[in-house]
Amino acid sequence: MENLSTYRKRLLYQSQHRGMREMDLLLGEFGKKVLSMERADLDAFEFLLSFPDQTLYALFFDNGPLPSGVSESLVNELQNFKKTL
């Protein structure tokens, strides 16, 4: 199992290099918060990052459905964060 520091750095990198510009901006900026997240929140964020950009774009920009197993509180936090960009 990777140590917590490495885990955080990997998630930050993955959030900033998605492939779709809108998702790079939203998740990349939000991903800077991973440096202070608790392990359970990091796991929820990692699970969210496992979804394709198109699914996440629909969720955050088109009010698409919440994918199964995704933390609703994390999505709400991201939706609120999006309003600050």
N, C-alpha and C. Protein backbone atom coordinates (compact mmCIF):
# COMPACT_ATOMS: atom_id res chain seq x y z
N MET A 1 0.85 -1.18 0.00
CA MET A 1 0.00 0.00 0.00
C MET A 1 0.89 1.24 0.00
N GLU A 2 0.57 2.19 -0.86
CA GLU A 2 1.38 3.40 -0.94
C GLU A 2 1.15 4.28 0.30
N ASN A 3 2.18 5.05 0.64
CA ASN A 3 2.02 5.91 1.81
C ASN A 3 1.08 7.07 1.49
N LEU A 4 0.62 7.73 2.52
CA LEU A 4 -0.40 8.77 2.37
C LEU A 4 0.08 9.94 1.52
N SER A 5 1.32 10.32 1.68
CA SER A 5 1.87 11.44 0.90
C SER A 5 1.88 11.12 -0.58
N THR A 6 2.31 9.93 -0.93
CA THR A 6 2.34 9.50 -2.33
C THR A 6 0.93 9.39 -2.89
N TYR A 7 0.03 8.87 -2.09
CA TYR A 7 -1.38 8.73 -2.48
C TYR A 7 -1.97 10.11 -2.83
N ARG A 8 -1.73 11.07 -1.97
CA ARG A 8 -2.23 12.42 -2.21
C ARG A 8 -1.65 13.02 -3.49
N LYS A 9 -0.37 12.85 -3.69
CA LYS A 9 0.29 13.39 -4.89
C LYS A 9 -0.26 12.73 -6.15
N ARG A 10 -0.50 11.43 -6.09
CA ARG A 10 -1.03 10.71 -7.25
C ARG A 10 -2.43 11.21 -7.59
N LEU A 11 -3.27 11.37 -6.57
CA LEU A 11 -4.62 11.86 -6.82
C LEU A 11 -4.62 13.28 -7.35
N LEU A 12 -3.74 14.11 -6.84
CA LEU A 12 -3.63 15.48 -7.35
C LEU A 12 -3.26 15.46 -8.83
N TYR A 13 -2.27 14.64 -9.18
CA TYR A 13 -1.86 14.53 -10.59
C TYR A 13 -3.01 14.03 -11.45
N GLN A 14 -3.68 12.98 -11.00
CA GLN A 14 -4.79 12.42 -11.78
C GLN A 14 -5.93 13.42 -11.94
N SER A 15 -6.16 14.24 -10.94
CA SER A 15 -7.24 15.21 -11.04
C SER A 15 -6.91 16.35 -12.00
N GLN A 16 -5.62 16.63 -12.17
CA GLN A 16 -5.20 17.74 -13.03
C GLN A 16 -4.96 17.32 -14.48
N HIS A 17 -4.89 16.04 -14.74
CA HIS A 17 -4.58 15.54 -16.09
C HIS A 17 -5.64 14.55 -16.56
N ARG A 18 -6.84 15.06 -16.77
CA ARG A 18 -7.98 14.23 -17.12
C ARG A 18 -8.09 14.01 -18.63
N GLY A 19 -7.86 15.05 -19.41
CA GLY A 19 -8.01 14.93 -20.85
C GLY A 19 -9.06 15.86 -21.41
N MET A 20 -10.10 16.13 -20.63
CA MET A 20 -11.13 17.08 -21.04
C MET A 20 -10.87 18.38 -20.26
N ARG A 21 -10.70 19.46 -20.98
CA ARG A 21 -10.27 20.72 -20.36
C ARG A 21 -11.15 21.14 -19.17
N GLU A 22 -12.45 21.03 -19.34
CA GLU A 22 -13.37 21.43 -18.27
C GLU A 22 -13.13 20.60 -17.00
N MET A 23 -12.90 19.31 -17.20
CA MET A 23 -12.68 18.43 -16.05
C MET A 23 -11.30 18.66 -15.45
N ASP A 24 -10.30 18.96 -16.29
CA ASP A 24 -8.97 19.31 -15.78
C ASP A 24 -9.09 20.51 -14.84
N LEU A 25 -9.85 21.51 -15.26
CA LEU A 25 -9.98 22.72 -14.45
C LEU A 25 -10.74 22.47 -13.16
N LEU A 26 -11.91 21.86 -13.27
CA LEU A 26 -12.73 21.63 -12.08
C LEU A 26 -12.04 20.67 -11.11
N LEU A 27 -11.72 19.50 -11.58
CA LEU A 27 -11.15 18.49 -10.69
C LEU A 27 -9.72 18.83 -10.28
N GLY A 28 -8.97 19.47 -11.19
CA GLY A 28 -7.61 19.84 -10.87
C GLY A 28 -7.53 20.89 -9.78
N GLU A 29 -8.37 21.90 -9.87
CA GLU A 29 -8.39 22.92 -8.83
C GLU A 29 -8.92 22.35 -7.51
N PHE A 30 -9.98 21.57 -7.61
CA PHE A 30 -10.51 20.93 -6.41
C PHE A 30 -9.48 19.95 -5.84
N GLY A 31 -8.74 19.31 -6.71
CA GLY A 31 -7.75 18.32 -6.30
C GLY A 31 -6.68 18.88 -5.40
N LYS A 32 -6.46 20.17 -5.44
CA LYS A 32 -5.47 20.77 -4.54
C LYS A 32 -5.87 20.59 -3.09
N LYS A 33 -7.17 20.36 -2.87
CA LYS A 33 -7.65 20.11 -1.52
C LYS A 33 -7.22 18.74 -0.99
N VAL A 34 -6.82 17.83 -1.88
CA VAL A 34 -6.44 16.49 -1.43
C VAL A 34 -5.24 16.53 -0.49
N LEU A 35 -4.50 17.59 -0.55
CA LEU A 35 -3.33 17.70 0.31
C LEU A 35 -3.72 17.75 1.78
N SER A 36 -4.98 18.05 2.07
CA SER A 36 -5.42 18.12 3.46
C SER A 36 -6.58 17.17 3.79
N MET A 37 -7.01 16.36 2.83
CA MET A 37 -8.14 15.45 3.06
C MET A 37 -7.75 14.27 3.93
N GLU A 38 -8.74 13.74 4.63
CA GLU A 38 -8.57 12.51 5.40
C GLU A 38 -8.60 11.32 4.44
N ARG A 39 -8.14 10.18 4.90
CA ARG A 39 -8.02 8.99 4.06
C ARG A 39 -9.37 8.58 3.43
N ALA A 40 -10.44 8.59 4.20
CA ALA A 40 -11.75 8.18 3.67
C ALA A 40 -12.19 9.12 2.54
N ASP A 41 -11.93 10.42 2.70
CA ASP A 41 -12.28 11.38 1.66
C ASP A 41 -11.41 11.18 0.42
N LEU A 42 -10.16 10.83 0.64
CA LEU A 42 -9.26 10.54 -0.49
C LEU A 42 -9.76 9.34 -1.27
N ASP A 43 -10.20 8.32 -0.56
CA ASP A 43 -10.72 7.12 -1.22
C ASP A 43 -11.96 7.45 -2.05
N ALA A 44 -12.84 8.29 -1.49
CA ALA A 44 -14.05 8.70 -2.23
C ALA A 44 -13.67 9.50 -3.48
N PHE A 45 -12.67 10.37 -3.35
CA PHE A 45 -12.21 11.17 -4.49
C PHE A 45 -11.57 10.28 -5.55
N GLU A 46 -10.79 9.30 -5.12
CA GLU A 46 -10.17 8.37 -6.07
C GLU A 46 -11.25 7.60 -6.84
N PHE A 47 -12.30 7.18 -6.15
CA PHE A 47 -13.38 6.46 -6.81
C PHE A 47 -14.06 7.36 -7.84
N LEU A 48 -14.30 8.62 -7.47
CA LEU A 48 -14.89 9.57 -8.41
C LEU A 48 -14.01 9.73 -9.65
N LEU A 49 -12.71 9.80 -9.45
CA LEU A 49 -11.78 9.97 -10.58
C LEU A 49 -11.74 8.75 -11.50
N SER A 50 -12.25 7.63 -11.04
CA SER A 50 -12.24 6.42 -11.87
C SER A 50 -13.28 6.47 -12.99
N PHE A 51 -14.21 7.42 -12.92
CA PHE A 51 -15.25 7.54 -13.94
C PHE A 51 -14.74 8.33 -15.14
N PRO A 52 -15.24 8.03 -16.34
CA PRO A 52 -14.82 8.76 -17.53
C PRO A 52 -15.24 10.24 -17.46
N ASP A 53 -14.48 11.07 -18.15
CA ASP A 53 -14.77 12.50 -18.17
C ASP A 53 -16.19 12.80 -18.62
N GLN A 54 -16.70 12.07 -19.59
CA GLN A 54 -18.04 12.33 -20.11
C GLN A 54 -19.09 12.13 -19.02
N THR A 55 -18.92 11.12 -18.20
CA THR A 55 -19.84 10.85 -17.10
C THR A 55 -19.78 11.97 -16.07
N LEU A 56 -18.56 12.38 -15.74
CA LEU A 56 -18.38 13.44 -14.74
C LEU A 56 -18.84 14.80 -15.28
N TYR A 57 -18.60 15.04 -16.56
CA TYR A 57 -19.07 16.28 -17.17
C TYR A 57 -20.59 16.36 -17.08
N ALA A 58 -21.26 15.26 -17.43
CA ALA A 58 -22.72 15.23 -17.35
C ALA A 58 -23.18 15.47 -15.91
N LEU A 59 -22.49 14.91 -14.96
CA LEU A 59 -22.85 15.06 -13.56
C LEU A 59 -22.71 16.51 -13.10
N PHE A 60 -21.59 17.14 -13.43
CA PHE A 60 -21.30 18.47 -12.90
C PHE A 60 -21.81 19.64 -13.75
N PHE A 61 -22.02 19.42 -15.03
CA PHE A 61 -22.41 20.53 -15.89
C PHE A 61 -23.79 20.37 -16.52
N ASP A 62 -24.30 19.15 -16.57
CA ASP A 62 -25.60 18.91 -17.18
C ASP A 62 -26.60 18.30 -16.20
N ASN A 63 -26.27 18.34 -14.91
CA ASN A 63 -27.13 17.75 -13.87
C ASN A 63 -27.48 16.30 -14.16
N GLY A 64 -26.47 15.56 -14.63
CA GLY A 64 -26.67 14.15 -14.92
C GLY A 64 -26.82 13.34 -13.64
N PRO A 65 -27.10 12.06 -13.79
CA PRO A 65 -27.33 11.20 -12.62
C PRO A 65 -26.04 10.96 -11.82
N LEU A 66 -26.22 10.75 -10.54
CA LEU A 66 -25.11 10.41 -9.66
C LEU A 66 -24.73 8.96 -9.91
N PRO A 67 -23.48 8.71 -10.34
CA PRO A 67 -23.07 7.32 -10.58
C PRO A 67 -23.15 6.50 -9.29
N SER A 68 -23.47 5.25 -9.43
CA SER A 68 -23.61 4.35 -8.30
C SER A 68 -22.32 4.29 -7.47
N GLY A 69 -22.48 4.45 -6.18
CA GLY A 69 -21.35 4.35 -5.27
C GLY A 69 -20.58 5.63 -5.03
N VAL A 70 -20.89 6.69 -5.78
CA VAL A 70 -20.18 7.96 -5.63
C VAL A 70 -20.74 8.70 -4.41
N SER A 71 -19.85 9.27 -3.63
CA SER A 71 -20.22 10.02 -2.43
C SER A 71 -21.03 11.26 -2.79
N GLU A 72 -22.26 11.30 -2.32
CA GLU A 72 -23.11 12.46 -2.60
C GLU A 72 -22.55 13.72 -1.95
N SER A 73 -21.98 13.57 -0.77
CA SER A 73 -21.41 14.75 -0.09
C SER A 73 -20.20 15.29 -0.85
N LEU A 74 -19.41 14.41 -1.44
CA LEU A 74 -18.27 14.85 -2.25
C LEU A 74 -18.77 15.59 -3.49
N VAL A 75 -19.78 15.07 -4.13
CA VAL A 75 -20.35 15.72 -5.32
C VAL A 75 -20.91 17.09 -4.95
N ASN A 76 -21.60 17.17 -3.81
CA ASN A 76 -22.13 18.46 -3.37
C ASN A 76 -21.00 19.45 -3.09
N GLU A 77 -19.93 18.96 -2.49
CA GLU A 77 -18.77 19.81 -2.23
C GLU A 77 -18.16 20.31 -3.54
N LEU A 78 -18.07 19.44 -4.53
CA LEU A 78 -17.56 19.83 -5.84
C LEU A 78 -18.49 20.81 -6.54
N GLN A 79 -19.80 20.60 -6.42
CA GLN A 79 -20.77 21.52 -7.03
C GLN A 79 -20.62 22.91 -6.41
N ASN A 80 -20.46 22.98 -5.10
CA ASN A 80 -20.27 24.27 -4.43
C ASN A 80 -18.94 24.89 -4.82
N PHE A 81 -17.91 24.05 -4.95
CA PHE A 81 -16.60 24.54 -5.36
C PHE A 81 -16.66 25.12 -6.77
N LYS A 82 -17.42 24.46 -7.64
CA LYS A 82 -17.55 24.91 -9.04
C LYS A 82 -18.08 26.33 -9.11
N LYS A 83 -18.94 26.70 -8.19
CA LYS A 83 -19.51 28.05 -8.17
C LYS A 83 -18.47 29.12 -7.86
N THR A 84 -17.35 28.73 -7.26
CA THR A 84 -16.31 29.70 -6.90
C THR A 84 -15.31 29.92 -8.03
N LEU A 85 -15.36 29.09 -9.06
CA LEU A 85 -14.39 29.22 -10.16
C LEU A 85 -14.78 30.34 -11.10
